[in-house]
Amino acid sequence: MNWLFFIPGLVLLIGAILIGTGYYSQRKAGESPPRVVRTAGLVIAALGVLFIILAITF
């Protein structure tokens, strides 16, 4: 396992979780968050998964 990819992957996944929680809480409060927030969360989650896969394969 390559820690050079694993640690940034975990940080990205934690960031995606935080963005997702903020998005959910805004939706629950009746507000409509910007679409870019959801897109950013998905992109960051995908990058986190990619980094973890790279950490396992290298």
C-alpha atoms as a PDB file:
ATOM      1  CA  MET A   1       0.000   0.000   0.000  1.00  0.00           C
ATOM      2  CA  ASN A   2       1.345   3.385  -0.997  1.00  0.00           C
ATOM      3  CA  TRP A   3       0.754   5.970   1.734  1.00  0.00           C
ATOM      4  CA  LEU A   4       1.478   8.783  -0.731  1.00  0.00           C
ATOM      5  CA  PHE A   5      -1.901   8.101  -2.368  1.00  0.00           C
ATOM      6  CA  PHE A   6      -3.802   6.702   0.617  1.00  0.00           C
ATOM      7  CA  ILE A   7      -3.613   9.707   2.957  1.00  0.00           C
ATOM      8  CA  PRO A   8      -4.765  12.288   0.350  1.00  0.00           C
ATOM      9  CA  GLY A   9      -7.524   9.857  -0.643  1.00  0.00           C
ATOM     10  CA  LEU A  10      -8.786   9.737   2.924  1.00  0.00           C
ATOM     11  CA  VAL A  11      -8.626  13.524   3.216  1.00  0.00           C
ATOM     12  CA  LEU A  12     -10.632  13.871  -0.007  1.00  0.00           C
ATOM     13  CA  LEU A  13     -13.251  11.387   1.202  1.00  0.00           C
ATOM     14  CA  ILE A  14     -13.597  13.231   4.514  1.00  0.00           C
ATOM     15  CA  GLY A  15     -14.024  16.475   2.560  1.00  0.00           C
ATOM     16  CA  ALA A  16     -16.710  14.865   0.406  1.00  0.00           C
ATOM     17  CA  ILE A  17     -18.538  13.689   3.531  1.00  0.00           C
ATOM     18  CA  LEU A  18     -18.441  17.209   4.980  1.00  0.00           C
ATOM     19  CA  ILE A  19     -19.736  18.732   1.728  1.00  0.00           C
ATOM     20  CA  GLY A  20     -22.489  16.106   1.601  1.00  0.00           C
ATOM     21  CA  THR A  21     -23.572  16.833   5.170  1.00  0.00           C
ATOM     22  CA  GLY A  22     -23.730  20.550   4.482  1.00  0.00           C
ATOM     23  CA  TYR A  23     -25.749  19.908   1.328  1.00  0.00           C
ATOM     24  CA  TYR A  24     -28.151  17.629   3.211  1.00  0.00           C
ATOM     25  CA  SER A  25     -28.636  20.084   6.065  1.00  0.00           C
ATOM     26  CA  GLN A  26     -29.406  22.909   3.627  1.00  0.00           C
ATOM     27  CA  ARG A  27     -31.961  20.721   1.843  1.00  0.00           C
ATOM     28  CA  LYS A  28     -33.520  19.710   5.155  1.00  0.00           C
ATOM     29  CA  ALA A  29     -33.815  23.377   6.174  1.00  0.00           C
ATOM     30  CA  GLY A  30     -35.842  24.061   3.034  1.00  0.00           C
ATOM     31  CA  GLU A  31     -33.140  25.973   1.194  1.00  0.00           C
ATOM     32  CA  SER A  32     -31.917  25.052  -2.245  1.00  0.00           C
ATOM     33  CA  PRO A  33     -28.125  24.845  -2.251  1.00  0.00           C
ATOM     34  CA  PRO A  34     -26.256  25.662  -5.458  1.00  0.00           C
ATOM     35  CA  ARG A  35     -25.836  22.806  -7.904  1.00  0.00           C
ATOM     36  CA  VAL A  36     -22.065  23.316  -7.850  1.00  0.00           C
ATOM     37  CA  VAL A  37     -21.991  22.100  -4.229  1.00  0.00           C
ATOM     38  CA  ARG A  38     -23.413  18.716  -5.180  1.00  0.00           C
ATOM     39  CA  THR A  39     -21.131  18.491  -8.217  1.00  0.00           C
ATOM     40  CA  ALA A  40     -18.068  19.386  -6.146  1.00  0.00           C
ATOM     41  CA  GLY A  41     -18.967  16.738  -3.578  1.00  0.00           C
ATOM     42  CA  LEU A  42     -19.286  14.076  -6.262  1.00  0.00           C
ATOM     43  CA  VAL A  43     -16.008  15.069  -7.935  1.00  0.00           C
ATOM     44  CA  ILE A  44     -14.122  15.088  -4.642  1.00  0.00           C
ATOM     45  CA  ALA A  45     -15.578  11.690  -3.680  1.00  0.00           C
ATOM     46  CA  ALA A  46     -14.580  10.232  -7.061  1.00  0.00           C
ATOM     47  CA  LEU A  47     -11.043  11.584  -6.687  1.00  0.00           C
ATOM     48  CA  GLY A  48     -10.825  10.151  -3.171  1.00  0.00           C
ATOM     49  CA  VAL A  49     -11.866   6.714  -4.383  1.00  0.00           C
ATOM     50  CA  LEU A  50      -9.390   6.950  -7.273  1.00  0.00           C
ATOM     51  CA  PHE A  51      -6.545   7.841  -4.899  1.00  0.00           C
ATOM     52  CA  ILE A  52      -7.384   4.919  -2.604  1.00  0.00           C
ATOM     53  CA  ILE A  53      -7.505   2.523  -5.557  1.00  0.00           C
ATOM     54  CA  LEU A  54      -4.116   3.845  -6.687  1.00  0.00           C
ATOM     55  CA  ALA A  55      -2.776   3.368  -3.155  1.00  0.00           C
ATOM     56  CA  ILE A  56      -3.845  -0.271  -3.152  1.00  0.00           C
ATOM     57  CA  THR A  57      -2.545  -1.089  -6.635  1.00  0.00           C
ATOM     58  CA  PHE A  58       0.866   0.586  -6.335  1.00  0.00           C
END
